Amino acid sequence: MHGVRGSLLALGIGLWCVGLQLLPFASAVVVNNTMPFFKMLFAKVLLGEKVGKERWLASLGGFIGCLIVVWCALIETRASKPSEPVKDDVAEEAVA
């Protein structure tokens, strides 16, 4: 059991490092902050743990906050990409 736990921990750390290479740091941290929601969800589904309404509401509120931050970062990333240059057919015909 400890070997499985250690292996999963090593896998998680490795995937965190890969995520840092693929995402901006702030986005990777926000994705990491969704972990309590998923831990609680999986504990309920897989382990049959009892989770109170207060915990669901608090966790859902934090998860929605993370979604808002990721959504804003996604919009900002799309807006900051340079648009493709407009093709000027008249200038190309004049050169040819």
Protein backbone atom coordinates (compact mmCIF):
# COMPACT_ATOMS: atom_id res chain seq x y z
CA MET A 1 0.00 0.00 0.00
CA HIS A 2 2.83 2.43 0.81
CA GLY A 3 4.49 1.61 -2.50
CA VAL A 4 1.33 2.50 -4.41
CA ARG A 5 0.95 5.72 -2.45
CA GLY A 6 4.58 6.67 -3.09
CA SER A 7 4.24 5.87 -6.79
CA LEU A 8 1.12 8.01 -7.09
CA LEU A 9 2.87 10.84 -5.27
CA ALA A 10 5.83 10.65 -7.65
CA LEU A 11 3.45 10.58 -10.63
CA GLY A 12 1.62 13.63 -9.28
CA ILE A 13 4.84 15.58 -8.82
CA GLY A 14 5.99 14.63 -12.30
CA LEU A 15 2.70 15.71 -13.87
CA TRP A 16 2.83 18.98 -11.90
CA CYS A 17 6.25 19.69 -13.45
CA VAL A 18 4.90 18.89 -16.92
CA GLY A 19 1.95 21.19 -16.26
CA LEU A 20 4.32 24.01 -15.32
CA GLN A 21 6.02 23.63 -18.70
CA LEU A 22 2.73 23.67 -20.61
CA LEU A 23 0.80 26.36 -18.71
CA PRO A 24 1.61 29.75 -17.27
CA PHE A 25 2.43 29.50 -13.57
CA ALA A 26 -0.75 31.26 -12.44
CA SER A 27 -2.97 28.92 -14.46
CA ALA A 28 -1.16 25.86 -13.12
CA VAL A 29 -1.68 27.06 -9.55
CA VAL A 30 -5.38 27.67 -10.18
CA VAL A 31 -5.77 24.16 -11.60
CA ASN A 32 -3.97 22.85 -8.53
CA ASN A 33 -6.43 24.74 -6.31
CA THR A 34 -9.30 22.65 -7.70
CA MET A 35 -7.82 19.59 -5.96
CA PRO A 36 -9.92 19.84 -2.75
CA PHE A 37 -13.12 19.73 -4.80
CA PHE A 38 -12.04 16.62 -6.68
CA LYS A 39 -10.73 14.92 -3.54
CA MET A 40 -14.06 15.43 -1.85
CA LEU A 41 -15.96 14.26 -4.93
CA PHE A 42 -13.89 11.10 -5.29
CA ALA A 43 -14.10 10.39 -1.53
CA LYS A 44 -17.89 10.54 -1.81
CA VAL A 45 -18.10 8.44 -4.99
CA LEU A 46 -15.34 5.91 -4.44
CA LEU A 47 -15.15 5.60 -0.65
CA GLY A 48 -18.73 6.39 0.30
CA GLU A 49 -17.71 9.20 2.67
CA LYS A 50 -20.42 11.41 4.11
CA VAL A 51 -20.00 15.01 3.02
CA GLY A 52 -22.14 17.77 4.54
CA LYS A 53 -23.97 20.47 2.64
CA GLU A 54 -21.65 23.17 4.03
CA ARG A 55 -18.57 21.44 2.63
CA TRP A 56 -20.21 20.97 -0.76
CA LEU A 57 -21.17 24.65 -0.92
CA ALA A 58 -17.73 25.86 0.18
CA SER A 59 -15.95 23.54 -2.20
CA LEU A 60 -18.27 24.38 -5.09
CA GLY A 61 -17.74 28.10 -4.45
CA GLY A 62 -13.97 27.65 -4.59
CA PHE A 63 -14.26 25.54 -7.73
CA ILE A 64 -16.39 28.18 -9.45
CA GLY A 65 -13.81 30.82 -8.48
CA CYS A 66 -11.09 28.71 -10.08
CA LEU A 67 -13.19 28.36 -13.24
CA ILE A 68 -13.62 32.13 -13.41
CA VAL A 69 -9.86 32.68 -13.15
CA VAL A 70 -9.11 30.05 -15.82
CA TRP A 71 -11.83 31.46 -18.09
CA CYS A 72 -10.41 34.99 -17.80
CA ALA A 73 -6.89 33.72 -18.48
CA LEU A 74 -8.15 31.85 -21.54
CA ILE A 75 -9.87 34.96 -22.90
CA GLU A 76 -6.74 37.04 -22.25
CA THR A 77 -4.55 34.47 -24.00
CA ARG A 78 -6.80 34.42 -27.06
CA ALA A 79 -6.95 38.21 -27.15
CA SER A 80 -3.17 38.59 -26.94
CA LYS A 81 -2.44 36.33 -29.92
CA PRO A 82 -1.57 38.41 -32.95
CA SER A 83 -4.10 38.17 -35.70
CA GLU A 84 -3.02 37.03 -39.12
CA PRO A 85 -1.94 39.82 -41.43
CA VAL A 86 -4.48 40.95 -43.97
CA LYS A 87 -3.54 39.86 -47.44
CA ASP A 88 -3.17 42.82 -49.74
CA ASP A 89 -3.94 41.56 -53.25
CA VAL A 90 -3.44 44.98 -54.84
CA ALA A 91 0.15 45.30 -53.55
CA GLU A 92 1.01 41.77 -54.69
CA GLU A 93 -0.34 42.44 -58.20
CA ALA A 94 1.71 45.65 -58.42
CA VAL A 95 4.91 43.77 -57.56
CA ALA A 96 4.24 40.97 -60.04
